[in-house]
Amino acid sequence: METDEPLIDFTSVTRQGRALDVRWIHGSPSAKHNTDPDIQTHAYDEHTFILRQNMAVNYEAPFMFLLFGNAQAVLIDTGATASAEYFPLRRVVDELVERWLARHPRASYHLSVLHTHPHGDHVAGDDQFADRPDTTLVAADQATAWRYFGFDADPEAVAKVDLGGRVLECLTSPGHHAAAVTFYDPWTGFLLTGDTVYPGRLYIQDWSAFARSIDRLSAFADDHPVTHVLGCHIEMTSEPGEDYPIRSTHQPDEPPLELTTDHLHEIRTAVKELGDQPERRAYPLFVLWPIATD
């Protein structure tokens, strides 16, 4: 790889977990007078960015993740709004890539766009990247995404996505959605769980699949140095067990986005207690929310 400076070593440093130390944009009492940016960008470190969509643009206010390696960056999820006018994700990502390359020059640099699952609030911005040069856009549907990762041949495999010295580990995690994928980043210790685990309503389409996924993620976290469990939404209040009403566009009293491996075990215990009789039940930082399929 041609470069004007030494390659970044993403493997020799053992990361210690630290708080994200950020106040997320959280909407306003009047969407008409909202002054938040369309997309909030938080630099966890110089190679790791967390983005949140403005709640006034879409109440889902999903989080997205942009990770840089020596050879390419990866954008995980593309938000809830297609329009670049109201949700300029491509512009924000391009600016972050340009700034990163100014500090770490490369003769060429690639971007991959991947997803945690194919629900609309995670893929709406895909078309903004369809014509971007040096970009691989992998659709989020199960057939396409799982073929890319190799999960079509072995759903229990741990796939690798090499960004150039920064190698993500990827696991299937169905339950919320059959095509769900969880990403682990050894550089930061982030476990990116999409809508499988986050501080909010855990909508569960397939209870038995969700139980298996939580078992697997808990075991994976026990065997890896996970610093934070990061999903794609915040829906809880800071009052234990209390969530904001669905479609809320003002959430001034949110808990942090980051959960811990202890929360994974808490979810696992709750699922086992309910057994094969799932029901909606609130816990301090999440709500188990089975969805009837009959």
Protein backbone atom coordinates (compact mmCIF):
# COMPACT_ATOMS: atom_id res chain seq x y z
CA MET A 1 0.00 0.00 0.00
CA GLU A 2 1.42 3.39 -0.97
CA THR A 3 1.37 5.96 1.81
CA ASP A 4 3.28 9.06 2.84
CA GLU A 5 3.42 7.98 6.46
CA PRO A 6 3.73 4.75 8.48
CA LEU A 7 0.74 2.48 8.64
CA ILE A 8 -1.38 2.75 11.78
CA ASP A 9 -0.98 -0.18 14.16
CA PHE A 10 -4.50 -1.22 15.16
CA THR A 11 -3.43 -4.40 16.94
CA SER A 12 -0.79 -3.74 19.60
CA VAL A 13 -2.77 -1.48 21.94
CA THR A 14 -5.17 -2.96 24.47
CA ARG A 15 -8.08 -0.58 24.69
CA GLN A 16 -9.49 0.41 28.05
CA GLY A 17 -13.17 1.27 28.15
CA ARG A 18 -14.06 4.87 28.79
CA ALA A 19 -17.31 6.78 28.69
CA LEU A 20 -18.23 8.23 25.33
CA ASP A 21 -18.36 11.62 27.07
CA VAL A 22 -20.93 13.16 24.76
CA ARG A 23 -24.30 14.85 25.10
CA TRP A 24 -26.35 13.51 22.21
CA ILE A 25 -28.78 15.69 20.30
CA HIS A 26 -32.20 14.62 21.55
CA GLY A 27 -34.85 16.70 19.77
CA SER A 28 -36.76 19.71 21.03
CA PRO A 29 -40.28 20.54 22.27
CA SER A 30 -41.05 22.06 18.87
CA ALA A 31 -39.64 20.36 15.78
CA LYS A 32 -40.34 23.59 13.87
CA HIS A 33 -37.81 25.42 16.01
CA ASN A 34 -35.27 22.64 16.25
CA THR A 35 -31.70 23.93 15.98
CA ASP A 36 -29.82 20.63 16.19
CA PRO A 37 -27.59 19.69 13.26
CA ASP A 38 -29.06 17.22 10.78
CA ILE A 39 -26.36 14.76 11.87
CA GLN A 40 -24.34 14.91 15.06
CA THR A 41 -20.78 13.59 14.75
CA HIS A 42 -18.82 12.38 17.75
CA ALA A 43 -15.16 11.39 17.51
CA TYR A 44 -14.50 8.56 19.96
CA ASP A 45 -10.92 8.66 18.70
CA GLU A 46 -9.33 9.91 15.50
CA HIS A 47 -10.24 6.69 13.67
CA THR A 48 -13.73 6.11 15.11
CA PHE A 49 -16.86 8.21 14.67
CA ILE A 50 -20.41 7.81 15.96
CA LEU A 51 -23.17 9.67 14.13
CA ARG A 52 -26.73 10.38 15.25
CA GLN A 53 -29.59 11.56 13.06
CA ASN A 54 -31.61 14.58 14.13
CA MET A 55 -34.82 13.54 15.89
CA ALA A 56 -36.73 16.36 14.20
CA VAL A 57 -35.85 14.86 10.81
CA ASN A 58 -36.90 11.36 11.87
CA TYR A 59 -38.10 10.33 15.32
CA GLU A 60 -36.09 7.10 15.16
CA ALA A 61 -32.89 9.19 15.51
CA PRO A 62 -30.68 6.19 14.69
CA PHE A 63 -26.97 5.97 15.36
CA MET A 64 -24.45 5.07 12.67
CA PHE A 65 -20.76 4.18 12.92
CA LEU A 66 -17.82 5.17 10.71
CA LEU A 67 -14.59 3.24 11.33
CA PHE A 68 -11.27 3.90 9.59
CA GLY A 69 -8.54 1.40 8.78
CA ASN A 70 -5.37 1.67 6.72
CA ALA A 71 -6.98 0.56 3.45
CA GLN A 72 -10.63 1.48 3.82
CA ALA A 73 -13.33 2.86 6.05
CA VAL A 74 -16.64 1.20 6.82
CA LEU A 75 -19.95 2.96 7.40
CA ILE A 76 -22.35 0.79 9.38
CA ASP A 77 -25.99 1.74 8.62
CA THR A 78 -27.26 4.73 6.65
CA GLY A 79 -30.07 6.15 8.75
CA ALA A 80 -33.78 6.76 8.41
CA THR A 81 -34.09 9.41 5.65
CA ALA A 82 -33.32 9.10 1.96
CA SER A 83 -33.19 12.80 1.09
CA ALA A 84 -29.67 14.26 1.07
CA GLU A 85 -31.25 17.69 1.53
CA TYR A 86 -32.71 16.79 4.92
CA PHE A 87 -30.19 14.13 5.84
CA PRO A 88 -26.81 14.84 4.20
CA LEU A 89 -25.11 11.62 5.22
CA ARG A 90 -22.95 11.31 2.11
CA ARG A 91 -21.64 14.85 2.55
CA VAL A 92 -20.85 14.31 6.24
CA VAL A 93 -19.09 11.01 5.56
CA ASP A 94 -17.12 12.49 2.65
CA GLU A 95 -15.98 15.38 4.87
CA LEU A 96 -14.86 12.98 7.61
CA VAL A 97 -12.98 10.84 5.07
CA GLU A 98 -11.35 13.92 3.56
CA ARG A 99 -10.21 15.15 6.98
CA TRP A 100 -8.90 11.70 7.93
CA LEU A 101 -6.95 11.43 4.68
CA ALA A 102 -5.45 14.87 5.24
CA ARG A 103 -3.88 13.47 8.42
CA HIS A 104 -3.15 10.01 7.00
CA PRO A 105 -2.49 10.38 3.25
CA ARG A 106 -3.17 7.40 1.01
CA ALA A 107 -2.75 6.99 -2.74
CA SER A 108 -6.23 5.44 -2.77
CA TYR A 109 -8.86 4.76 -0.16
CA HIS A 110 -12.04 2.69 -0.21
CA LEU A 111 -15.37 2.91 1.61
CA SER A 112 -17.62 -0.04 2.39
CA VAL A 113 -21.23 0.51 3.45
CA LEU A 114 -22.62 -2.32 5.58
CA HIS A 115 -25.67 -2.71 7.81
CA THR A 116 -26.87 -4.19 11.07
CA HIS A 117 -30.20 -5.20 9.42
CA PRO A 118 -32.53 -4.05 6.62
CA HIS A 119 -35.24 -2.10 8.46
CA GLY A 120 -35.94 1.24 6.80
CA ASP A 121 -34.42 3.40 9.54
CA HIS A 122 -31.05 1.71 8.92
CA VAL A 123 -30.89 1.67 5.11
CA ALA A 124 -32.76 4.77 3.90
CA GLY A 125 -29.58 6.65 2.99
CA ASP A 126 -28.11 3.87 0.85
CA ASP A 127 -28.83 5.57 -2.46
CA GLN A 128 -26.63 8.51 -1.46
CA PHE A 129 -23.66 6.13 -1.83
CA ALA A 130 -24.75 4.26 -4.94
CA ASP A 131 -22.64 6.42 -7.28
CA ARG A 132 -19.80 7.20 -4.88
CA PRO A 133 -16.38 6.29 -6.36
CA ASP A 134 -14.26 3.64 -4.63
CA THR A 135 -17.26 2.43 -2.67
CA THR A 136 -18.79 -0.99 -2.03
CA LEU A 137 -22.43 -0.78 -1.01
CA VAL A 138 -23.71 -4.09 0.32
CA ALA A 139 -27.49 -4.28 0.45
CA ALA A 140 -28.90 -5.26 3.83
CA ASP A 141 -31.32 -7.97 2.74
CA GLN A 142 -30.46 -11.39 4.09
CA ALA A 143 -29.59 -13.02 0.76
CA THR A 144 -27.16 -10.27 -0.23
CA ALA A 145 -25.63 -9.41 3.13
CA TRP A 146 -25.19 -12.98 4.33
CA ARG A 147 -23.61 -13.97 1.02
CA TYR A 148 -21.12 -11.10 1.45
CA PHE A 149 -20.17 -12.29 4.94
CA GLY A 150 -20.31 -15.98 4.06
CA PHE A 151 -23.17 -16.65 6.45
CA ASP A 152 -25.21 -18.28 3.70
CA ALA A 153 -22.82 -21.22 3.91
CA ASP A 154 -22.40 -21.16 7.70
CA PRO A 155 -24.66 -18.93 9.86
CA GLU A 156 -22.54 -19.78 12.91
CA ALA A 157 -19.32 -18.50 11.35
CA VAL A 158 -17.48 -15.42 12.57
CA ALA A 159 -16.77 -13.38 9.47
CA LYS A 160 -13.86 -10.95 9.15
CA VAL A 161 -13.92 -7.54 7.49
CA ASP A 162 -10.37 -6.21 7.15
CA LEU A 163 -10.18 -2.42 6.95
CA GLY A 164 -6.40 -2.60 6.66
CA GLY A 165 -4.96 -3.77 9.97
CA ARG A 166 -8.26 -3.10 11.73
CA VAL A 167 -10.21 -6.34 11.41
CA LEU A 168 -13.87 -6.42 12.41
CA GLU A 169 -15.47 -9.67 13.55
CA CYS A 170 -19.07 -10.15 12.40
CA LEU A 171 -21.73 -12.50 13.75
CA THR A 172 -25.30 -13.31 12.81
CA SER A 173 -27.73 -12.17 15.51
CA PRO A 174 -31.29 -12.83 14.31
CA GLY A 175 -34.34 -12.31 16.47
CA HIS A 176 -35.17 -8.67 15.96
CA HIS A 177 -34.74 -9.36 12.24
CA ALA A 178 -33.75 -12.56 10.46
CA ALA A 179 -30.85 -10.81 8.68
CA ALA A 180 -29.38 -9.07 11.73
CA VAL A 181 -25.59 -8.83 12.03
CA THR A 182 -23.51 -7.75 15.03
CA PHE A 183 -20.03 -6.22 14.55
CA TYR A 184 -17.11 -6.39 16.98
CA ASP A 185 -14.21 -3.94 16.65
CA PRO A 186 -11.10 -5.07 18.57
CA TRP A 187 -9.49 -1.61 18.23
CA THR A 188 -12.12 0.11 20.40
CA GLY A 189 -13.69 -2.93 22.00
CA PHE A 190 -17.08 -1.85 20.64
CA LEU A 191 -19.74 -4.51 20.17
CA LEU A 192 -22.18 -2.97 17.66
CA THR A 193 -25.50 -4.70 18.18
CA GLY A 194 -27.88 -2.75 15.95
CA ASP A 195 -31.46 -3.17 17.19
CA THR A 196 -30.74 -6.44 18.97
CA VAL A 197 -29.51 -4.71 22.14
CA TYR A 198 -29.78 -1.03 23.03
CA PRO A 199 -31.30 1.12 25.81
CA GLY A 200 -34.88 0.89 24.58
CA ARG A 201 -37.65 -1.36 23.34
CA LEU A 202 -36.16 -4.61 22.10
CA TYR A 203 -38.70 -5.59 19.44
CA ILE A 204 -38.42 -9.35 19.00
CA GLN A 205 -39.83 -10.97 15.86
CA ASP A 206 -38.50 -14.46 16.59
CA TRP A 207 -38.25 -15.25 20.29
CA SER A 208 -36.26 -18.47 20.03
CA ALA A 209 -33.81 -16.93 17.53
CA PHE A 210 -33.40 -13.90 19.80
CA ALA A 211 -32.68 -16.16 22.77
CA ARG A 212 -29.99 -18.00 20.81
CA SER A 213 -28.47 -14.72 19.64
CA ILE A 214 -28.31 -13.32 23.16
CA ASP A 215 -26.68 -16.54 24.33
CA ARG A 216 -24.14 -16.25 21.55
CA LEU A 217 -23.40 -12.56 22.10
CA SER A 218 -23.02 -13.10 25.84
CA ALA A 219 -20.56 -15.92 25.26
CA PHE A 220 -18.69 -13.89 22.64
CA ALA A 221 -18.41 -10.93 25.02
CA ASP A 222 -17.06 -13.20 27.75
CA ASP A 223 -14.26 -14.26 25.41
CA HIS A 224 -13.38 -10.81 24.03
CA PRO A 225 -12.42 -7.47 25.61
CA VAL A 226 -15.70 -5.63 25.02
CA THR A 227 -15.61 -2.04 26.28
CA HIS A 228 -19.10 -0.93 25.22
CA VAL A 229 -22.21 -2.55 23.82
CA LEU A 230 -23.57 0.00 21.34
CA GLY A 231 -26.94 -0.31 19.65
CA CYS A 232 -28.59 2.08 17.23
CA HIS A 233 -31.22 3.87 19.34
CA ILE A 234 -31.98 5.36 22.74
CA GLU A 235 -35.63 5.03 23.81
CA MET A 236 -35.39 4.81 27.60
CA THR A 237 -35.52 7.68 30.06
CA SER A 238 -33.10 7.97 32.96
CA GLU A 239 -35.91 6.69 35.19
CA PRO A 240 -35.33 2.92 35.46
CA GLY A 241 -37.85 0.94 33.42
CA GLU A 242 -39.48 4.01 31.84
CA ASP A 243 -39.31 4.46 28.06
CA TYR A 244 -40.28 7.48 26.02
CA PRO A 245 -43.56 7.18 24.10
CA ILE A 246 -43.22 5.73 20.61
CA ARG A 247 -42.59 8.45 17.99
CA SER A 248 -41.22 10.87 20.58
CA THR A 249 -39.30 13.76 19.02
CA HIS A 250 -38.02 15.24 22.29
CA GLN A 251 -36.06 13.09 24.72
CA PRO A 252 -34.23 15.47 27.07
CA ASP A 253 -33.62 12.90 29.81
CA GLU A 254 -31.92 10.03 27.99
CA PRO A 255 -29.51 7.55 29.54
CA PRO A 256 -26.17 7.00 27.78
CA LEU A 257 -26.10 5.03 24.53
CA GLU A 258 -23.44 2.66 25.81
CA LEU A 259 -24.41 -0.50 27.64
CA THR A 260 -22.11 -3.11 29.18
CA THR A 261 -21.58 -6.83 28.98
CA ASP A 262 -23.47 -7.05 32.28
CA HIS A 263 -26.54 -5.81 30.41
CA LEU A 264 -26.11 -8.62 27.90
CA HIS A 265 -26.20 -11.09 30.77
CA GLU A 266 -29.19 -9.28 32.28
CA ILE A 267 -31.08 -9.69 29.00
CA ARG A 268 -30.01 -13.33 28.81
CA THR A 269 -31.31 -13.98 32.32
CA ALA A 270 -34.60 -12.21 31.58
CA VAL A 271 -35.14 -14.23 28.41
CA LYS A 272 -34.43 -17.50 30.23
CA GLU A 273 -36.84 -16.57 33.03
CA LEU A 274 -39.63 -16.05 30.50
CA GLY A 275 -38.81 -19.34 28.79
CA ASP A 276 -41.19 -20.25 26.00
CA GLN A 277 -43.89 -17.83 27.23
CA PRO A 278 -42.60 -14.45 26.04
CA GLU A 279 -44.30 -11.33 27.29
CA ARG A 280 -43.65 -7.62 27.30
CA ARG A 281 -41.63 -6.75 30.36
CA ALA A 282 -39.65 -3.65 31.39
CA TYR A 283 -36.23 -3.67 33.01
CA PRO A 284 -34.13 -0.67 34.10
CA LEU A 285 -32.46 -0.04 30.72
CA PHE A 286 -34.50 -2.06 28.24
CA VAL A 287 -37.95 -3.42 27.51
CA LEU A 288 -38.41 -6.92 26.13
CA TRP A 289 -41.09 -6.45 23.47
CA PRO A 290 -42.10 -9.68 21.69
CA ILE A 291 -44.11 -9.07 18.52
CA ALA A 292 -47.00 -11.42 17.88
CA THR A 293 -46.71 -13.14 14.49
CA ASP A 294 -50.08 -14.94 14.38
